[in-house]
Amino acid sequence: MKIQKLSGKTTFSGTMTLHGQQHDVSGSAELLQ
């Protein structure tokens, strides 16, 4: 995983392993203390 920043609204990416397959995915997130 890679997160743009560790607080507030941000974006992230990472590797998903599902159904025996592996692919990069990315999305948006909100992190709160």
Full PDB file with SEQRES, HELIX, SHEET, SSBOND, CRYST1, ORIGX, SCALE, CONECT and MASTER records, all heavy atoms in Angstrom:
SEQRES   1 A   33  MET LYS ILE GLN LYS LEU SER GLY LYS THR THR PHE SER          
SEQRES   2 A   33  GLY THR MET THR LEU HIS GLY GLN GLN HIS ASP VAL SER          
SEQRES   3 A   33  GLY SER ALA GLU LEU LEU GLN                                  
SHEET    1 AA1 3 LYS A   2  ILE A   3  0                                        
SHEET    2 AA1 3 GLY A   8  LEU A  18 -1                                        
SHEET    3 AA1 3 GLN A  21  LEU A  31 -1                                        
CRYST1    1.000    1.000    1.000  90.00  90.00  90.00 P 1           1          
ORIGX1      1.000000  0.000000  0.000000        0.00000                         
ORIGX2      0.000000  1.000000  0.000000        0.00000                         
ORIGX3      0.000000  0.000000  1.000000        0.00000                         
SCALE1      1.000000  0.000000  0.000000        0.00000                         
SCALE2      0.000000  1.000000  0.000000        0.00000                         
SCALE3      0.000000  0.000000  1.000000        0.00000                         
ATOM      1  N   MET A   1       0.807  -1.214   0.000  1.00  0.00           N  
ATOM      2  CA  MET A   1       0.000   0.000   0.000  1.00  0.00           C  
ATOM      3  C   MET A   1       0.845   1.271   0.000  1.00  0.00           C  
ATOM      4  O   MET A   1       1.921   1.315   0.558  1.00  0.00           O  
ATOM      5  CB  MET A   1      -0.921  -0.003   1.226  1.00  0.00           C  
ATOM      6  CG  MET A   1      -2.028  -1.022   1.156  1.00  0.00           C  
ATOM      7  SD  MET A   1      -2.819  -1.257   2.767  1.00  0.00           S  
ATOM      8  CE  MET A   1      -1.775  -2.546   3.453  1.00  0.00           C  
ATOM      9  N   LYS A   2       0.288   2.296  -0.613  1.00  0.00           N  
ATOM     10  CA  LYS A   2       0.893   3.624  -0.638  1.00  0.00           C  
ATOM     11  C   LYS A   2      -0.226   4.636  -0.427  1.00  0.00           C  
ATOM     12  O   LYS A   2      -1.223   4.631  -1.152  1.00  0.00           O  
ATOM     13  CB  LYS A   2       1.569   3.866  -1.990  1.00  0.00           C  
ATOM     14  CG  LYS A   2       2.306   5.199  -2.086  1.00  0.00           C  
ATOM     15  CD  LYS A   2       3.677   5.137  -1.458  1.00  0.00           C  
ATOM     16  CE  LYS A   2       4.468   6.405  -1.731  1.00  0.00           C  
ATOM     17  NZ  LYS A   2       5.818   6.358  -1.140  1.00  0.00           N  
ATOM     18  N   ILE A   3      -0.082   5.481   0.608  1.00  0.00           N  
ATOM     19  CA  ILE A   3      -1.088   6.489   0.918  1.00  0.00           C  
ATOM     20  C   ILE A   3      -0.487   7.870   0.711  1.00  0.00           C  
ATOM     21  O   ILE A   3       0.637   8.142   1.139  1.00  0.00           O  
ATOM     22  CB  ILE A   3      -1.571   6.342   2.381  1.00  0.00           C  
ATOM     23  CG1 ILE A   3      -2.185   4.957   2.597  1.00  0.00           C  
ATOM     24  CG2 ILE A   3      -2.598   7.419   2.721  1.00  0.00           C  
ATOM     25  CD1 ILE A   3      -2.583   4.691   4.032  1.00  0.00           C  
ATOM     26  N   GLN A   4      -1.232   8.737   0.047  1.00  0.00           N  
ATOM     27  CA  GLN A   4      -0.716  10.066  -0.261  1.00  0.00           C  
ATOM     28  C   GLN A   4      -0.406  10.863   0.997  1.00  0.00           C  
ATOM     29  O   GLN A   4       0.613  11.536   1.095  1.00  0.00           O  
ATOM     30  CB  GLN A   4      -1.716  10.833  -1.133  1.00  0.00           C  
ATOM     31  CG  GLN A   4      -1.199  12.184  -1.628  1.00  0.00           C  
ATOM     32  CD  GLN A   4      -2.253  12.924  -2.423  1.00  0.00           C  
ATOM     33  OE1 GLN A   4      -3.425  12.944  -2.054  1.00  0.00           O  
ATOM     34  NE2 GLN A   4      -1.842  13.535  -3.516  1.00  0.00           N  
ATOM     35  N   LYS A   5      -1.299  10.795   1.993  1.00  0.00           N  
ATOM     36  CA  LYS A   5      -1.062  11.470   3.274  1.00  0.00           C  
ATOM     37  C   LYS A   5      -1.815  10.740   4.362  1.00  0.00           C  
ATOM     38  O   LYS A   5      -2.762  10.003   4.092  1.00  0.00           O  
ATOM     39  CB  LYS A   5      -1.463  12.942   3.218  1.00  0.00           C  
ATOM     40  CG  LYS A   5      -2.927  13.186   2.887  1.00  0.00           C  
ATOM     41  CD  LYS A   5      -3.238  14.679   2.872  1.00  0.00           C  
ATOM     42  CE  LYS A   5      -4.719  14.929   2.587  1.00  0.00           C  
ATOM     43  NZ  LYS A   5      -5.059  16.365   2.637  1.00  0.00           N  
ATOM     44  N   LEU A   6      -1.399  10.955   5.625  1.00  0.00           N  
ATOM     45  CA  LEU A   6      -1.917  10.169   6.734  1.00  0.00           C  
ATOM     46  C   LEU A   6      -3.046  10.834   7.501  1.00  0.00           C  
ATOM     47  O   LEU A   6      -3.372  10.424   8.615  1.00  0.00           O  
ATOM     48  CB  LEU A   6      -0.766   9.834   7.697  1.00  0.00           C  
ATOM     49  CG  LEU A   6       0.305   8.899   7.132  1.00  0.00           C  
ATOM     50  CD1 LEU A   6       1.422   8.710   8.140  1.00  0.00           C  
ATOM     51  CD2 LEU A   6      -0.294   7.562   6.738  1.00  0.00           C  
ATOM     52  N   SER A   7      -3.653  11.873   6.943  1.00  0.00           N  
ATOM     53  CA  SER A   7      -4.826  12.461   7.590  1.00  0.00           C  
ATOM     54  C   SER A   7      -5.692  13.159   6.552  1.00  0.00           C  
ATOM     55  O   SER A   7      -5.195  13.607   5.517  1.00  0.00           O  
ATOM     56  CB  SER A   7      -4.410  13.457   8.679  1.00  0.00           C  
ATOM     57  OG  SER A   7      -3.797  14.589   8.115  1.00  0.00           O  
ATOM     58  N   GLY A   8      -7.001  13.240   6.846  1.00  0.00           N  
ATOM     59  CA  GLY A   8      -7.917  13.912   5.946  1.00  0.00           C  
ATOM     60  C   GLY A   8      -8.224  13.104   4.700  1.00  0.00           C  
ATOM     61  O   GLY A   8      -8.009  11.893   4.634  1.00  0.00           O  
ATOM     62  N   LYS A   9      -8.730  13.787   3.688  1.00  0.00           N  
ATOM     63  CA  LYS A   9      -9.057  13.131   2.423  1.00  0.00           C  
ATOM     64  C   LYS A   9      -7.782  12.888   1.635  1.00  0.00           C  
ATOM     65  O   LYS A   9      -6.929  13.764   1.523  1.00  0.00           O  
ATOM     66  CB  LYS A   9     -10.032  13.991   1.628  1.00  0.00           C  
ATOM     67  CG  LYS A   9     -11.407  14.096   2.280  1.00  0.00           C  
ATOM     68  CD  LYS A   9     -12.382  14.898   1.441  1.00  0.00           C  
ATOM     69  CE  LYS A   9     -13.753  14.960   2.108  1.00  0.00           C  
ATOM     70  NZ  LYS A   9     -14.726  15.743   1.316  1.00  0.00           N  
ATOM     71  N   THR A  10      -7.658  11.700   1.081  1.00  0.00           N  
ATOM     72  CA  THR A  10      -6.425  11.325   0.408  1.00  0.00           C  
ATOM     73  C   THR A  10      -6.709  10.271  -0.655  1.00  0.00           C  
ATOM     74  O   THR A  10      -7.849   9.851  -0.851  1.00  0.00           O  
ATOM     75  CB  THR A  10      -5.415  10.791   1.445  1.00  0.00           C  
ATOM     76  OG1 THR A  10      -4.152  10.560   0.820  1.00  0.00           O  
ATOM     77  CG2 THR A  10      -5.894   9.486   2.071  1.00  0.00           C  
ATOM     78  N   THR A  11      -5.675   9.852  -1.350  1.00  0.00           N  
ATOM     79  CA  THR A  11      -5.769   8.760  -2.314  1.00  0.00           C  
ATOM     80  C   THR A  11      -4.785   7.672  -1.911  1.00  0.00           C  
ATOM     81  O   THR A  11      -3.835   7.917  -1.159  1.00  0.00           O  
ATOM     82  CB  THR A  11      -5.455   9.235  -3.747  1.00  0.00           C  
ATOM     83  OG1 THR A  11      -4.141   9.813  -3.780  1.00  0.00           O  
ATOM     84  CG2 THR A  11      -6.477  10.266  -4.201  1.00  0.00           C  
ATOM     85  N   PHE A  12      -5.017   6.474  -2.399  1.00  0.00           N  
ATOM     86  CA  PHE A  12      -4.144   5.352  -2.054  1.00  0.00           C  
ATOM     87  C   PHE A  12      -4.058   4.387  -3.230  1.00  0.00           C  
ATOM     88  O   PHE A  12      -4.876   4.420  -4.155  1.00  0.00           O  
ATOM     89  CB  PHE A  12      -4.675   4.618  -0.818  1.00  0.00           C  
ATOM     90  CG  PHE A  12      -5.980   3.912  -1.044  1.00  0.00           C  
ATOM     91  CD1 PHE A  12      -6.015   2.586  -1.458  1.00  0.00           C  
ATOM     92  CD2 PHE A  12      -7.187   4.580  -0.874  1.00  0.00           C  
ATOM     93  CE1 PHE A  12      -7.220   1.940  -1.684  1.00  0.00           C  
ATOM     94  CE2 PHE A  12      -8.399   3.940  -1.085  1.00  0.00           C  
ATOM     95  CZ  PHE A  12      -8.414   2.623  -1.495  1.00  0.00           C  
ATOM     96  N   SER A  13      -3.072   3.521  -3.173  1.00  0.00           N  
ATOM     97  CA  SER A  13      -2.935   2.465  -4.173  1.00  0.00           C  
ATOM     98  C   SER A  13      -2.364   1.234  -3.480  1.00  0.00           C  
ATOM     99  O   SER A  13      -1.881   1.302  -2.350  1.00  0.00           O  
ATOM    100  CB  SER A  13      -2.006   2.904  -5.313  1.00  0.00           C  
ATOM    101  OG  SER A  13      -0.712   3.207  -4.811  1.00  0.00           O  
ATOM    102  N   GLY A  14      -2.439   0.101  -4.155  1.00  0.00           N  
ATOM    103  CA  GLY A  14      -1.908  -1.126  -3.580  1.00  0.00           C  
ATOM    104  C   GLY A  14      -2.144  -2.295  -4.514  1.00  0.00           C  
ATOM    105  O   GLY A  14      -2.614  -2.131  -5.648  1.00  0.00           O  
ATOM    106  N   THR A  15      -1.800  -3.479  -4.042  1.00  0.00           N  
ATOM    107  CA  THR A  15      -1.934  -4.707  -4.823  1.00  0.00           C  
ATOM    108  C   THR A  15      -3.025  -5.583  -4.222  1.00  0.00           C  
ATOM    109  O   THR A  15      -2.985  -5.910  -3.036  1.00  0.00           O  
ATOM    110  CB  THR A  15      -0.607  -5.485  -4.850  1.00  0.00           C  
ATOM    111  OG1 THR A  15       0.418  -4.650  -5.371  1.00  0.00           O  
ATOM    112  CG2 THR A  15      -0.735  -6.724  -5.715  1.00  0.00           C  
ATOM    113  N   MET A  16      -4.000  -5.927  -5.037  1.00  0.00           N  
ATOM    114  CA  MET A  16      -5.089  -6.805  -4.606  1.00  0.00           C  
ATOM    115  C   MET A  16      -4.851  -8.218  -5.122  1.00  0.00           C  
ATOM    116  O   MET A  16      -4.584  -8.416  -6.315  1.00  0.00           O  
ATOM    117  CB  MET A  16      -6.427  -6.285  -5.135  1.00  0.00           C  
ATOM    118  CG  MET A  16      -7.598  -7.221  -4.900  1.00  0.00           C  
ATOM    119  SD  MET A  16      -8.051  -7.352  -3.158  1.00  0.00           S  
ATOM    120  CE  MET A  16      -8.866  -5.773  -2.915  1.00  0.00           C  
ATOM    121  N   THR A  17      -4.917  -9.191  -4.212  1.00  0.00           N  
ATOM    122  CA  THR A  17      -4.870 -10.607  -4.594  1.00  0.00           C  
ATOM    123  C   THR A  17      -6.259 -11.179  -4.378  1.00  0.00           C  
ATOM    124  O   THR A  17      -6.783 -11.163  -3.260  1.00  0.00           O  
ATOM    125  CB  THR A  17      -3.844 -11.376  -3.753  1.00  0.00           C  
ATOM    126  OG1 THR A  17      -2.551 -10.792  -3.923  1.00  0.00           O  
ATOM    127  CG2 THR A  17      -3.782 -12.834  -4.190  1.00  0.00           C  
ATOM    128  N   LEU A  18      -6.864 -11.659  -5.448  1.00  0.00           N  
ATOM    129  CA  LEU A  18      -8.241 -12.150  -5.414  1.00  0.00           C  
ATOM    130  C   LEU A  18      -8.414 -13.225  -6.474  1.00  0.00           C  
ATOM    131  O   LEU A  18      -7.950 -13.056  -7.607  1.00  0.00           O  
ATOM    132  CB  LEU A  18      -9.217 -10.988  -5.663  1.00  0.00           C  
ATOM    133  CG  LEU A  18     -10.702 -11.317  -5.819  1.00  0.00           C  
ATOM    134  CD1 LEU A  18     -11.268 -11.858  -4.520  1.00  0.00           C  
ATOM    135  CD2 LEU A  18     -11.473 -10.070  -6.256  1.00  0.00           C  
ATOM    136  N   HIS A  19      -9.071 -14.315  -6.122  1.00  0.00           N  
ATOM    137  CA  HIS A  19      -9.362 -15.388  -7.077  1.00  0.00           C  
ATOM    138  C   HIS A  19      -8.088 -15.899  -7.750  1.00  0.00           C  
ATOM    139  O   HIS A  19      -8.057 -16.219  -8.926  1.00  0.00           O  
ATOM    140  CB  HIS A  19     -10.355 -14.879  -8.130  1.00  0.00           C  
ATOM    141  CG  HIS A  19     -11.052 -15.988  -8.869  1.00  0.00           C  
ATOM    142  ND1 HIS A  19     -10.848 -16.220 -10.213  1.00  0.00           N  
ATOM    143  CD2 HIS A  19     -11.956 -16.922  -8.458  1.00  0.00           C  
ATOM    144  CE1 HIS A  19     -11.586 -17.247 -10.601  1.00  0.00           C  
ATOM    145  NE2 HIS A  19     -12.272 -17.687  -9.554  1.00  0.00           N  
ATOM    146  N   GLY A  20      -6.993 -15.944  -6.961  1.00  0.00           N  
ATOM    147  CA  GLY A  20      -5.717 -16.432  -7.477  1.00  0.00           C  
ATOM    148  C   GLY A  20      -5.001 -15.484  -8.410  1.00  0.00           C  
ATOM    149  O   GLY A  20      -3.983 -15.844  -8.994  1.00  0.00           O  
ATOM    150  N   GLN A  21      -5.517 -14.261  -8.554  1.00  0.00           N  
ATOM    151  CA  GLN A  21      -4.930 -13.258  -9.445  1.00  0.00           C  
ATOM    152  C   GLN A  21      -4.469 -12.052  -8.629  1.00  0.00           C  
ATOM    153  O   GLN A  21      -4.986 -11.781  -7.551  1.00  0.00           O  
ATOM    154  CB  GLN A  21      -5.948 -12.804 -10.492  1.00  0.00           C  
ATOM    155  CG  GLN A  21      -6.567 -13.924 -11.297  1.00  0.00           C  
ATOM    156  CD  GLN A  21      -5.545 -14.636 -12.160  1.00  0.00           C  
ATOM    157  OE1 GLN A  21      -4.746 -13.993 -12.839  1.00  0.00           O  
ATOM    158  NE2 GLN A  21      -5.561 -15.961 -12.131  1.00  0.00           N  
ATOM    159  N   GLN A  22      -3.500 -11.318  -9.173  1.00  0.00           N  
ATOM    160  CA  GLN A  22      -2.949 -10.152  -8.493  1.00  0.00           C  
ATOM    161  C   GLN A  22      -2.937  -8.961  -9.440  1.00  0.00           C  
ATOM    162  O   GLN A  22      -2.423  -9.050 -10.556  1.00  0.00           O  
ATOM    163  CB  GLN A  22      -1.523 -10.456  -8.021  1.00  0.00           C  
ATOM    164  CG  GLN A  22      -1.135  -9.805  -6.727  1.00  0.00           C  
ATOM    165  CD  GLN A  22       0.236 -10.232  -6.260  1.00  0.00           C  
ATOM    166  OE1 GLN A  22       1.213 -10.086  -6.987  1.00  0.00           O  
ATOM    167  NE2 GLN A  22       0.323 -10.767  -5.040  1.00  0.00           N  
ATOM    168  N   HIS A  23      -3.532  -7.835  -8.982  1.00  0.00           N  
ATOM    169  CA  HIS A  23      -3.559  -6.627  -9.805  1.00  0.00           C  
ATOM    170  C   HIS A  23      -3.462  -5.393  -8.919  1.00  0.00           C  
ATOM    171  O   HIS A  23      -3.864  -5.407  -7.752  1.00  0.00           O  
ATOM    172  CB  HIS A  23      -4.859  -6.557 -10.627  1.00  0.00           C  
ATOM    173  CG  HIS A  23      -4.945  -7.571 -11.717  1.00  0.00           C  
ATOM    174  ND1 HIS A  23      -4.247  -7.454 -12.900  1.00  0.00           N  
ATOM    175  CD2 HIS A  23      -5.636  -8.740 -11.791  1.00  0.00           C  
ATOM    176  CE1 HIS A  23      -4.512  -8.498 -13.672  1.00  0.00           C  
ATOM    177  NE2 HIS A  23      -5.354  -9.295 -13.016  1.00  0.00           N  
ATOM    178  N   ASP A  24      -2.941  -4.316  -9.498  1.00  0.00           N  
ATOM    179  CA  ASP A  24      -2.885  -3.044  -8.790  1.00  0.00           C  
ATOM    180  C   ASP A  24      -4.262  -2.388  -8.806  1.00  0.00           C  
ATOM    181  O   ASP A  24      -4.974  -2.435  -9.819  1.00  0.00           O  
ATOM    182  CB  ASP A  24      -1.871  -2.102  -9.450  1.00  0.00           C  
ATOM    183  CG  ASP A  24      -0.441  -2.594  -9.301  1.00  0.00           C  
ATOM    184  OD1 ASP A  24      -0.176  -3.361  -8.360  1.00  0.00           O  
ATOM    185  OD2 ASP A  24       0.406  -2.202 -10.129  1.00  0.00           O  
ATOM    186  N   VAL A  25      -4.639  -1.781  -7.682  1.00  0.00           N  
ATOM    187  CA  VAL A  25      -5.888  -1.031  -7.584  1.00  0.00           C  
ATOM    188  C   VAL A  25      -5.593   0.299  -6.903  1.00  0.00           C  
ATOM    189  O   VAL A  25      -4.563   0.470  -6.260  1.00  0.00           O  
ATOM    190  CB  VAL A  25      -6.969  -1.805  -6.787  1.00  0.00           C  
ATOM    191  CG1 VAL A  25      -7.330  -3.102  -7.483  1.00  0.00           C  
ATOM    192  CG2 VAL A  25      -6.507  -2.069  -5.360  1.00  0.00           C  
ATOM    193  N   SER A  26      -6.505   1.247  -7.044  1.00  0.00           N  
ATOM    194  CA  SER A  26      -6.335   2.542  -6.387  1.00  0.00           C  
ATOM    195  C   SER A  26      -7.707   3.118  -6.085  1.00  0.00           C  
ATOM    196  O   SER A  26      -8.715   2.741  -6.698  1.00  0.00           O  
ATOM    197  CB  SER A  26      -5.535   3.503  -7.266  1.00  0.00           C  
ATOM    198  OG  SER A  26      -6.186   3.725  -8.503  1.00  0.00           O  
ATOM    199  N   GLY A  27      -7.752   4.040  -5.122  1.00  0.00           N  
ATOM    200  CA  GLY A  27      -9.021   4.627  -4.741  1.00  0.00           C  
ATOM    201  C   GLY A  27      -8.833   5.849  -3.871  1.00  0.00           C  
ATOM    202  O   GLY A  27      -7.747   6.414  -3.774  1.00  0.00           O  
ATOM    203  N   SER A  28      -9.918   6.251  -3.221  1.00  0.00           N  
ATOM    204  CA  SER A  28      -9.896   7.427  -2.358  1.00  0.00           C  
ATOM    205  C   SER A  28     -10.246   7.012  -0.938  1.00  0.00           C  
ATOM    206  O   SER A  28     -10.898   5.985  -0.707  1.00  0.00           O  
ATOM    207  CB  SER A  28     -10.887   8.480  -2.857  1.00  0.00           C  
ATOM    208  OG  SER A  28     -12.205   7.953  -2.870  1.00  0.00           O  
ATOM    209  N   ALA A  29      -9.805   7.817   0.035  1.00  0.00           N  
ATOM    210  CA  ALA A  29     -10.041   7.481   1.434  1.00  0.00           C  
ATOM    211  C   ALA A  29     -10.079   8.739   2.282  1.00  0.00           C  
ATOM    212  O   ALA A  29      -9.618   9.813   1.854  1.00  0.00           O  
ATOM    213  CB  ALA A  29      -8.952   6.536   1.942  1.00  0.00           C  
ATOM    214  N   GLU A  30     -10.622   8.587   3.476  1.00  0.00           N  
ATOM    215  CA  GLU A  30     -10.545   9.639   4.474  1.00  0.00           C  
ATOM    216  C   GLU A  30     -10.040   9.018   5.772  1.00  0.00           C  
ATOM    217  O   GLU A  30     -10.575   8.006   6.233  1.00  0.00           O  
ATOM    218  CB  GLU A  30     -11.902  10.303   4.704  1.00  0.00           C  
ATOM    219  CG  GLU A  30     -11.825  11.476   5.672  1.00  0.00           C  
ATOM    220  CD  GLU A  30     -13.072  12.346   5.674  1.00  0.00           C  
ATOM    221  OE1 GLU A  30     -14.044  11.969   4.994  1.00  0.00           O  
ATOM    222  OE2 GLU A  30     -13.061  13.388   6.345  1.00  0.00           O  
ATOM    223  N   LEU A  31      -8.973   9.603   6.330  1.00  0.00           N  
ATOM    224  CA  LEU A  31      -8.370   9.110   7.559  1.00  0.00           C  
ATOM    225  C   LEU A  31      -8.600  10.114   8.679  1.00  0.00           C  
ATOM    226  O   LEU A  31      -8.327  11.307   8.509  1.00  0.00           O  
ATOM    227  CB  LEU A  31      -6.863   8.889   7.381  1.00  0.00           C  
ATOM    228  CG  LEU A  31      -6.403   7.609   6.666  1.00  0.00           C  
ATOM    229  CD1 LEU A  31      -6.793   7.625   5.193  1.00  0.00           C  
ATOM    230  CD2 LEU A  31      -4.895   7.441   6.796  1.00  0.00           C  
ATOM    231  N   LEU A  32      -9.098   9.625   9.804  1.00  0.00           N  
ATOM    232  CA  LEU A  32      -9.339  10.468  10.968  1.00  0.00           C  
ATOM    233  C   LEU A  32      -8.632   9.882  12.176  1.00  0.00           C  
ATOM    234  O   LEU A  32      -8.558   8.657  12.330  1.00  0.00           O  
ATOM    235  CB  LEU A  32     -10.841  10.575  11.256  1.00  0.00           C  
ATOM    236  CG  LEU A  32     -11.723  11.179  10.160  1.00  0.00           C  
ATOM    237  CD1 LEU A  32     -13.190  11.077  10.569  1.00  0.00           C  
ATOM    238  CD2 LEU A  32     -11.346  12.638   9.908  1.00  0.00           C  
ATOM    239  N   GLN A  33      -8.127  10.738  13.052  1.00  0.00           N  
ATOM    240  CA  GLN A  33      -7.518  10.274  14.288  1.00  0.00           C  
ATOM    241  C   GLN A  33      -8.558   9.615  15.173  1.00  0.00           C  
ATOM    242  O   GLN A  33      -9.698  10.072  15.257  1.00  0.00           O  
ATOM    243  CB  GLN A  33      -6.903  11.441  15.043  1.00  0.00           C  
ATOM    244  CG  GLN A  33      -5.725  12.092  14.351  1.00  0.00           C  
ATOM    245  CD  GLN A  33      -5.241  13.290  15.132  1.00  0.00           C  
ATOM    246  OE1 GLN A  33      -5.531  13.431  16.319  1.00  0.00           O  
ATOM    247  NE2 GLN A  33      -4.510  14.166  14.477  1.00  0.00           N  
TER     248      GLN A  33                                                      
MASTER        0    0    0    0    3    0    0    6  247    1    0    3          
END                                                                             
